[in-house]
Amino acid sequence: MSVEWTPEAIKAEIDYRQGAMRADAEHVREFRRTSGRKVSWWAKVAGLARSDVPERRGDAA
């Protein structure tokens, strides 16, 4: 079974996909706007690396 792609069908498909991408982008913008503190990927990686380092003996309180 083959679908016949008419110019109207192609335009409708493009409009549908663009609308979905715009809605997704707005969702991401809203999430970033309302989320808490923003942590860069580099800070996350550095935090993971620091978590493996044992405390120095003189620093323990």
C-alpha atoms as a PDB file:
ATOM      1  CA  MET A   1       0.000   0.000   0.000  1.00  0.00           C
ATOM      2  CA  SER A   2       1.573   3.253  -1.138  1.00  0.00           C
ATOM      3  CA  VAL A   3       0.597   6.750  -0.052  1.00  0.00           C
ATOM      4  CA  GLU A   4       0.267   9.324  -2.799  1.00  0.00           C
ATOM      5  CA  TRP A   5       2.082  12.506  -1.751  1.00  0.00           C
ATOM      6  CA  THR A   6       0.217  15.448  -3.197  1.00  0.00           C
ATOM      7  CA  PRO A   7       1.501  18.997  -2.703  1.00  0.00           C
ATOM      8  CA  GLU A   8      -1.295  19.571  -0.178  1.00  0.00           C
ATOM      9  CA  ALA A   9      -0.352  16.437   1.766  1.00  0.00           C
ATOM     10  CA  ILE A  10       3.312  17.455   1.841  1.00  0.00           C
ATOM     11  CA  LYS A  11       2.432  20.950   3.095  1.00  0.00           C
ATOM     12  CA  ALA A  12       0.147  19.494   5.755  1.00  0.00           C
ATOM     13  CA  GLU A  13       2.905  17.120   6.918  1.00  0.00           C
ATOM     14  CA  ILE A  14       5.458  19.951   7.074  1.00  0.00           C
ATOM     15  CA  ASP A  15       3.038  22.181   8.985  1.00  0.00           C
ATOM     16  CA  TYR A  16       2.292  19.356  11.431  1.00  0.00           C
ATOM     17  CA  ARG A  17       5.975  18.647  12.104  1.00  0.00           C
ATOM     18  CA  GLN A  18       6.880  22.325  12.438  1.00  0.00           C
ATOM     19  CA  GLY A  19       4.034  22.816  14.888  1.00  0.00           C
ATOM     20  CA  ALA A  20       5.217  19.875  16.969  1.00  0.00           C
ATOM     21  CA  MET A  21       8.799  21.179  16.991  1.00  0.00           C
ATOM     22  CA  ARG A  22       7.640  24.673  18.008  1.00  0.00           C
ATOM     23  CA  ALA A  23       5.542  23.240  20.834  1.00  0.00           C
ATOM     24  CA  ASP A  24       8.499  21.156  22.031  1.00  0.00           C
ATOM     25  CA  ALA A  25      10.818  24.176  21.898  1.00  0.00           C
ATOM     26  CA  GLU A  26       8.349  26.247  23.918  1.00  0.00           C
ATOM     27  CA  HIS A  27       8.108  23.454  26.486  1.00  0.00           C
ATOM     28  CA  VAL A  28      11.918  23.393  26.815  1.00  0.00           C
ATOM     29  CA  ARG A  29      12.090  27.212  27.133  1.00  0.00           C
ATOM     30  CA  GLU A  30       9.409  27.181  29.830  1.00  0.00           C
ATOM     31  CA  PHE A  31      11.185  24.394  31.719  1.00  0.00           C
ATOM     32  CA  ARG A  32      14.473  26.295  31.625  1.00  0.00           C
ATOM     33  CA  ARG A  33      12.753  29.512  32.690  1.00  0.00           C
ATOM     34  CA  THR A  34      11.010  27.951  35.694  1.00  0.00           C
ATOM     35  CA  SER A  35      13.609  25.426  36.817  1.00  0.00           C
ATOM     36  CA  GLY A  36      15.925  26.119  39.682  1.00  0.00           C
ATOM     37  CA  ARG A  37      19.640  26.677  39.611  1.00  0.00           C
ATOM     38  CA  LYS A  38      21.246  25.931  36.294  1.00  0.00           C
ATOM     39  CA  VAL A  39      24.288  23.692  36.462  1.00  0.00           C
ATOM     40  CA  SER A  40      26.505  23.334  33.422  1.00  0.00           C
ATOM     41  CA  TRP A  41      27.559  19.933  32.181  1.00  0.00           C
ATOM     42  CA  TRP A  42      31.150  20.808  33.118  1.00  0.00           C
ATOM     43  CA  ALA A  43      30.165  21.477  36.739  1.00  0.00           C
ATOM     44  CA  LYS A  44      28.337  18.151  36.851  1.00  0.00           C
ATOM     45  CA  VAL A  45      31.392  16.305  35.505  1.00  0.00           C
ATOM     46  CA  ALA A  46      33.696  18.127  37.941  1.00  0.00           C
ATOM     47  CA  GLY A  47      31.341  17.259  40.816  1.00  0.00           C
ATOM     48  CA  LEU A  48      31.431  13.598  39.866  1.00  0.00           C
ATOM     49  CA  ALA A  49      35.215  13.652  39.756  1.00  0.00           C
ATOM     50  CA  ARG A  50      35.404  15.334  43.185  1.00  0.00           C
ATOM     51  CA  SER A  51      33.075  12.764  44.738  1.00  0.00           C
ATOM     52  CA  ASP A  52      35.730  10.049  44.243  1.00  0.00           C
ATOM     53  CA  VAL A  53      38.476  11.965  46.047  1.00  0.00           C
ATOM     54  CA  PRO A  54      38.806  10.993  49.718  1.00  0.00           C
ATOM     55  CA  GLU A  55      38.985  13.741  52.356  1.00  0.00           C
ATOM     56  CA  ARG A  56      42.399  14.786  53.573  1.00  0.00           C
ATOM     57  CA  ARG A  57      43.065  13.694  57.138  1.00  0.00           C
ATOM     58  CA  GLY A  58      43.638  17.226  58.447  1.00  0.00           C
ATOM     59  CA  ASP A  59      40.323  18.524  57.012  1.00  0.00           C
ATOM     60  CA  ALA A  60      38.012  16.280  59.031  1.00  0.00           C
ATOM     61  CA  ALA A  61      36.316  18.237  61.811  1.00  0.00           C
END
